[in-house]
Amino acid sequence: MSEGRPPAGDRSEAAGEGAPPGMSARRARALRARAAALAARATPHTCVHGGEGDIATARQLGLCECHRCGAVWQDAQDGEHCERCGARLRHRKTDSIRRTWALLISAAIMYLPANLLPVMITKSLFGTQQDTILSGVIYFWVSGSYGLAALIFTASFLVPLFKLAALFVLVVLAQRRSTWRQRERARLYHGLEFIGRWSMLDVFVVSLLAGLVQIKGFAVITAGVGIGAFAAVVVLTMLASLSFDPRLTWDTEPAPSPEPVAPTAPIAARESIA
């Protein structure tokens, strides 16, 4: 080993302790400095214990979380930009209740034609047959396919109905700023996000059959009007679930009323006074 050349251990420390492989020391120091600056401004997540069973929300403590990168900032105002990713900060989603109501009512309206109109039309040598969701469930049940009938009935009938009812309860209670079973309501919202991925079963099956069964002269399967209404129900309920802000569940204080604005004198009256 030549004189003046540091040993291997010293070289690794000079390159930056804890730096990822292939990263220069200058790059590692710059990243650590940026992380330290962000950590100095961001507020770490801490456990908050309210007195006498009350729950202190992040908004009451002056905390605001960036919806894009997850950074938590202290005393940030709505409309400011996150210094980490540049996204606009907001404590609550804008017009969450109104947008959720609009999408929820639209989905409830489309739920009736989705179950009454045919979702699949089969043309064969024996004639034309139109099947709705419930008629398909009855057919599989009578033919002995109990598991498939239960799966279609659950995914195509019960799941959309359950999502509509659950969203209705969540929106009504959030609009009234109710304190009834807040923890259970938060779990219910996360449950809606989990079961939402199974709502497109009928659309997938009909699309698959319409693409495969196209034997002209023998059998042709086409999608009916009901499948469009059912897809609309699924999409609208998904958008309603995304529009609803689950943090409204914890907002129990009455909304601040706007301050009255003092009436101003007309322009002509001001000019005459002047």
Protein backbone atom coordinates (compact mmCIF):
# COMPACT_ATOMS: atom_id res chain seq x y z
CA MET A 1 0.00 0.00 0.00
CA SER A 2 1.48 3.34 -1.01
CA GLU A 3 1.88 6.17 1.49
CA GLY A 4 -0.72 8.88 1.51
CA ARG A 5 -3.43 6.57 0.14
CA PRO A 6 -6.19 5.83 2.69
CA PRO A 7 -7.07 2.22 3.47
CA ALA A 8 -10.19 0.58 2.08
CA GLY A 9 -12.24 1.36 5.18
CA ASP A 10 -11.32 5.03 5.04
CA ARG A 11 -12.09 5.15 1.30
CA SER A 12 -15.61 3.81 1.95
CA GLU A 13 -16.20 6.47 4.60
CA ALA A 14 -14.87 9.14 2.25
CA ALA A 15 -17.25 7.97 -0.45
CA GLY A 16 -20.15 8.56 1.88
CA GLU A 17 -21.36 6.27 4.64
CA GLY A 18 -24.54 4.42 3.76
CA ALA A 19 -24.50 5.54 0.12
CA PRO A 20 -26.12 3.10 -2.35
CA PRO A 21 -23.74 1.21 -4.67
CA GLY A 22 -22.83 3.12 -7.80
CA MET A 23 -23.71 6.55 -6.31
CA SER A 24 -21.04 9.19 -5.99
CA ALA A 25 -20.20 10.77 -2.66
CA ARG A 26 -21.36 14.20 -3.82
CA ARG A 27 -24.70 12.77 -4.96
CA ALA A 28 -25.17 10.92 -1.65
CA ARG A 29 -24.37 14.05 0.38
CA ALA A 30 -26.81 16.11 -1.70
CA LEU A 31 -29.59 13.57 -1.16
CA ARG A 32 -28.93 13.43 2.59
CA ALA A 33 -28.96 17.23 2.79
CA ARG A 34 -32.25 17.43 0.91
CA ALA A 35 -33.79 14.71 3.12
CA ALA A 36 -32.63 16.55 6.24
CA ALA A 37 -34.16 19.81 4.97
CA LEU A 38 -37.46 18.11 4.24
CA ALA A 39 -37.45 16.37 7.60
CA ALA A 40 -36.87 19.69 9.33
CA ARG A 41 -40.00 21.20 7.75
CA ALA A 42 -42.22 18.12 7.69
CA THR A 43 -43.99 16.92 10.81
CA PRO A 44 -43.60 13.26 11.73
CA HIS A 45 -46.64 11.13 12.42
CA THR A 46 -47.23 11.03 16.17
CA CYS A 47 -49.87 9.26 18.22
CA VAL A 48 -52.50 11.68 19.48
CA HIS A 49 -54.59 10.78 22.50
CA GLY A 50 -57.54 13.09 23.02
CA GLY A 51 -59.00 13.61 26.41
CA GLU A 52 -62.16 11.81 27.52
CA GLY A 53 -62.41 9.75 24.35
CA ASP A 54 -62.27 12.74 21.97
CA ILE A 55 -60.25 12.26 18.78
CA ALA A 56 -57.96 15.10 17.77
CA THR A 57 -57.83 15.28 13.99
CA ALA A 58 -54.84 16.41 11.95
CA ARG A 59 -56.76 19.47 10.81
CA GLN A 60 -57.33 20.55 14.40
CA LEU A 61 -53.61 20.17 15.08
CA GLY A 62 -52.68 22.29 12.07
CA LEU A 63 -51.33 19.38 10.00
CA CYS A 64 -51.88 18.97 6.26
CA GLU A 65 -50.86 15.91 4.25
CA CYS A 66 -49.94 16.10 0.60
CA HIS A 67 -52.26 13.82 -1.38
CA ARG A 68 -49.52 13.06 -3.92
CA CYS A 69 -46.30 12.32 -1.99
CA GLY A 70 -47.66 11.89 1.56
CA ALA A 71 -45.53 14.59 3.21
CA VAL A 72 -47.11 16.15 6.31
CA TRP A 73 -46.71 19.90 6.76
CA GLN A 74 -47.28 22.09 9.79
CA ASP A 75 -49.56 25.16 9.57
CA ALA A 76 -50.02 24.82 5.80
CA GLN A 77 -52.94 26.64 4.22
CA ASP A 78 -55.24 25.44 1.45
CA GLY A 79 -53.86 26.40 -1.94
CA GLU A 80 -50.18 26.35 -0.96
CA HIS A 81 -47.82 24.08 -2.86
CA CYS A 82 -45.97 21.13 -1.41
CA GLU A 83 -42.24 21.85 -1.31
CA ARG A 84 -41.43 18.21 -2.02
CA CYS A 85 -43.52 17.47 -5.15
CA GLY A 86 -45.16 20.81 -5.97
CA ALA A 87 -48.77 19.58 -5.62
CA ARG A 88 -51.43 21.94 -4.33
CA LEU A 89 -52.21 21.26 -0.66
CA ARG A 90 -55.75 20.95 0.61
CA HIS A 91 -57.17 19.75 3.91
CA ARG A 92 -60.32 18.32 2.31
CA LYS A 93 -61.39 17.46 -1.22
CA THR A 94 -63.16 20.32 -2.96
CA ASP A 95 -66.98 19.95 -3.07
CA SER A 96 -66.71 16.33 -1.97
CA ILE A 97 -70.30 16.03 -0.71
CA ARG A 98 -71.90 17.62 -3.79
CA ARG A 99 -69.89 15.59 -6.28
CA THR A 100 -70.54 12.36 -4.41
CA TRP A 101 -74.29 13.06 -4.28
CA ALA A 102 -74.41 13.76 -8.02
CA LEU A 103 -72.56 10.56 -8.92
CA LEU A 104 -74.48 8.50 -6.38
CA ILE A 105 -77.89 9.62 -7.64
CA SER A 106 -76.82 8.94 -11.24
CA ALA A 107 -75.67 5.42 -10.31
CA ALA A 108 -78.95 4.73 -8.48
CA ILE A 109 -80.92 5.81 -11.57
CA MET A 110 -78.88 3.52 -13.83
CA TYR A 111 -79.21 0.58 -11.41
CA LEU A 112 -82.82 -0.15 -12.49
CA PRO A 113 -82.21 -0.53 -16.25
CA ALA A 114 -79.05 -2.49 -15.49
CA ASN A 115 -81.17 -5.20 -13.83
CA LEU A 116 -84.31 -4.96 -16.00
CA LEU A 117 -82.87 -4.70 -19.51
CA PRO A 118 -81.13 -7.65 -21.24
CA VAL A 119 -77.38 -7.80 -20.84
CA MET A 120 -76.82 -10.58 -23.41
CA ILE A 121 -78.67 -11.50 -26.61
CA THR A 122 -78.15 -14.99 -28.05
CA LYS A 123 -79.22 -15.73 -31.66
CA SER A 124 -79.17 -19.37 -32.76
CA LEU A 125 -81.05 -21.83 -34.96
CA PHE A 126 -83.66 -22.19 -32.24
CA GLY A 127 -84.45 -18.48 -32.04
CA THR A 128 -83.40 -15.42 -30.11
CA GLN A 129 -82.98 -15.36 -26.35
CA GLN A 130 -82.51 -12.27 -24.22
CA ASP A 131 -81.01 -12.70 -20.76
CA THR A 132 -80.91 -10.28 -17.86
CA ILE A 133 -78.68 -10.61 -14.83
CA LEU A 134 -81.37 -12.24 -12.69
CA SER A 135 -82.50 -14.57 -15.47
CA GLY A 136 -78.93 -15.79 -15.84
CA VAL A 137 -78.74 -16.39 -12.09
CA ILE A 138 -82.00 -18.37 -12.20
CA TYR A 139 -80.78 -20.42 -15.18
CA PHE A 140 -77.53 -21.46 -13.47
CA TRP A 141 -79.37 -22.22 -10.22
CA VAL A 142 -81.94 -24.45 -11.94
CA SER A 143 -79.27 -26.23 -13.97
CA GLY A 144 -77.40 -27.15 -10.78
CA SER A 145 -74.50 -24.67 -10.97
CA TYR A 146 -75.13 -23.28 -7.50
CA GLY A 147 -71.66 -21.84 -6.98
CA LEU A 148 -71.68 -19.95 -10.29
CA ALA A 149 -75.20 -18.67 -9.64
CA ALA A 150 -74.19 -17.44 -6.18
CA LEU A 151 -71.05 -15.78 -7.60
CA ILE A 152 -72.95 -13.90 -10.32
CA PHE A 153 -75.73 -12.91 -7.91
CA THR A 154 -73.23 -11.59 -5.37
CA ALA A 155 -70.90 -9.77 -7.78
CA SER A 156 -73.55 -8.40 -10.14
CA PHE A 157 -76.52 -7.71 -7.87
CA LEU A 158 -75.54 -7.52 -4.21
CA VAL A 159 -72.18 -5.76 -4.54
CA PRO A 160 -73.49 -2.72 -6.52
CA LEU A 161 -76.52 -2.50 -4.22
CA PHE A 162 -74.30 -2.69 -1.14
CA LYS A 163 -71.98 0.04 -2.52
CA LEU A 164 -74.93 2.34 -3.21
CA ALA A 165 -76.39 1.81 0.26
CA ALA A 166 -73.03 2.17 2.03
CA LEU A 167 -72.11 5.35 0.16
CA PHE A 168 -75.56 6.76 0.92
CA VAL A 169 -75.04 6.16 4.66
CA LEU A 170 -71.51 7.60 4.61
CA VAL A 171 -72.51 10.76 2.73
CA VAL A 172 -75.61 11.42 4.86
CA LEU A 173 -73.75 11.01 8.15
CA ALA A 174 -70.78 13.07 6.93
CA GLN A 175 -73.10 15.84 5.77
CA ARG A 176 -74.79 15.89 9.18
CA ARG A 177 -71.38 15.79 10.92
CA SER A 178 -72.55 12.86 12.99
CA THR A 179 -70.37 11.19 15.62
CA TRP A 180 -72.14 7.83 15.31
CA ARG A 181 -69.67 4.92 14.92
CA GLN A 182 -66.91 6.88 13.25
CA ARG A 183 -64.37 4.06 13.36
CA GLU A 184 -66.81 1.59 11.81
CA ARG A 185 -67.65 4.10 9.08
CA ALA A 186 -63.95 4.50 8.27
CA ARG A 187 -63.58 0.71 8.00
CA LEU A 188 -66.69 0.58 5.83
CA TYR A 189 -65.15 3.01 3.36
CA HIS A 190 -61.97 0.95 3.09
CA GLY A 191 -64.14 -2.13 2.57
CA LEU A 192 -65.85 -0.40 -0.36
CA GLU A 193 -62.47 0.21 -1.96
CA PHE A 194 -61.60 -3.48 -1.58
CA ILE A 195 -64.78 -4.95 -3.08
CA GLY A 196 -64.96 -2.41 -5.90
CA ARG A 197 -62.50 -4.41 -8.00
CA TRP A 198 -64.99 -7.30 -8.34
CA SER A 199 -67.81 -5.22 -9.81
CA MET A 200 -66.97 -5.70 -13.50
CA LEU A 201 -67.52 -9.47 -13.60
CA ASP A 202 -70.60 -9.38 -15.83
CA VAL A 203 -69.06 -6.88 -18.23
CA PHE A 204 -65.98 -9.08 -18.60
CA VAL A 205 -67.99 -12.27 -19.18
CA VAL A 206 -70.33 -10.72 -21.77
CA SER A 207 -67.44 -9.06 -23.60
CA LEU A 208 -65.56 -12.36 -23.69
CA LEU A 209 -68.55 -14.32 -24.99
CA ALA A 210 -69.43 -11.67 -27.58
CA GLY A 211 -65.90 -11.86 -28.93
CA LEU A 212 -65.64 -15.66 -28.97
CA VAL A 213 -69.11 -16.88 -29.96
CA GLN A 214 -69.57 -15.48 -33.46
CA ILE A 215 -70.55 -18.55 -35.52
CA LYS A 216 -72.85 -17.17 -38.19
CA GLY A 217 -75.75 -19.44 -39.00
CA PHE A 218 -75.45 -21.33 -35.71
CA ALA A 219 -74.99 -19.00 -32.75
CA VAL A 220 -74.16 -15.33 -32.31
CA ILE A 221 -73.88 -13.58 -28.92
CA THR A 222 -74.10 -9.81 -28.69
CA ALA A 223 -74.14 -7.44 -25.73
CA GLY A 224 -77.50 -5.96 -24.77
CA VAL A 225 -78.43 -2.50 -23.61
CA GLY A 226 -78.41 -3.61 -19.98
CA ILE A 227 -74.66 -4.28 -20.00
CA GLY A 228 -74.04 -0.61 -20.84
CA ALA A 229 -76.26 0.47 -17.96
CA PHE A 230 -74.49 -1.98 -15.64
CA ALA A 231 -71.07 -0.68 -16.69
CA ALA A 232 -72.33 2.85 -16.04
CA VAL A 233 -73.41 1.83 -12.52
CA VAL A 234 -69.97 0.37 -11.82
CA VAL A 235 -68.10 3.40 -13.15
CA LEU A 236 -70.36 5.90 -11.37
CA THR A 237 -70.06 4.12 -8.02
CA MET A 238 -66.28 4.00 -8.41
CA LEU A 239 -66.17 7.74 -9.15
CA ALA A 240 -68.51 8.42 -6.20
CA SER A 241 -66.22 6.44 -3.91
CA LEU A 242 -63.21 8.42 -5.16
CA SER A 243 -65.03 11.75 -4.83
CA PHE A 244 -66.01 11.10 -1.22
CA ASP A 245 -63.45 12.34 1.28
CA PRO A 246 -63.25 9.82 4.16
CA ARG A 247 -61.71 12.50 6.39
CA LEU A 248 -65.13 14.14 6.55
CA THR A 249 -66.13 11.27 8.85
CA TRP A 250 -64.06 12.86 11.61
CA ASP A 251 -65.27 16.44 11.07
CA THR A 252 -67.91 16.78 13.78
CA GLU A 253 -67.67 20.48 14.52
CA PRO A 254 -70.28 22.71 12.81
CA ALA A 255 -69.11 24.39 9.64
CA PRO A 256 -68.12 28.04 10.14
CA SER A 257 -70.76 30.41 8.87
CA PRO A 258 -69.60 33.10 6.43
CA GLU A 259 -69.09 36.51 7.94
CA PRO A 260 -71.73 39.09 6.91
CA VAL A 261 -70.49 41.66 4.45
CA ALA A 262 -71.30 45.28 5.26
CA PRO A 263 -73.42 46.91 2.53
CA THR A 264 -71.67 49.55 0.50
CA ALA A 265 -73.21 52.75 -0.73
CA PRO A 266 -73.93 53.13 -4.45
CA ILE A 267 -71.37 54.89 -6.59
CA ALA A 268 -73.61 57.90 -7.19
CA ALA A 269 -74.20 58.32 -3.44
CA ARG A 270 -70.48 58.13 -2.72
CA GLU A 271 -69.75 60.77 -5.35
CA SER A 272 -72.42 63.10 -3.90
CA ILE A 273 -70.98 62.68 -0.42
CA ALA A 274 -67.51 63.42 -1.71
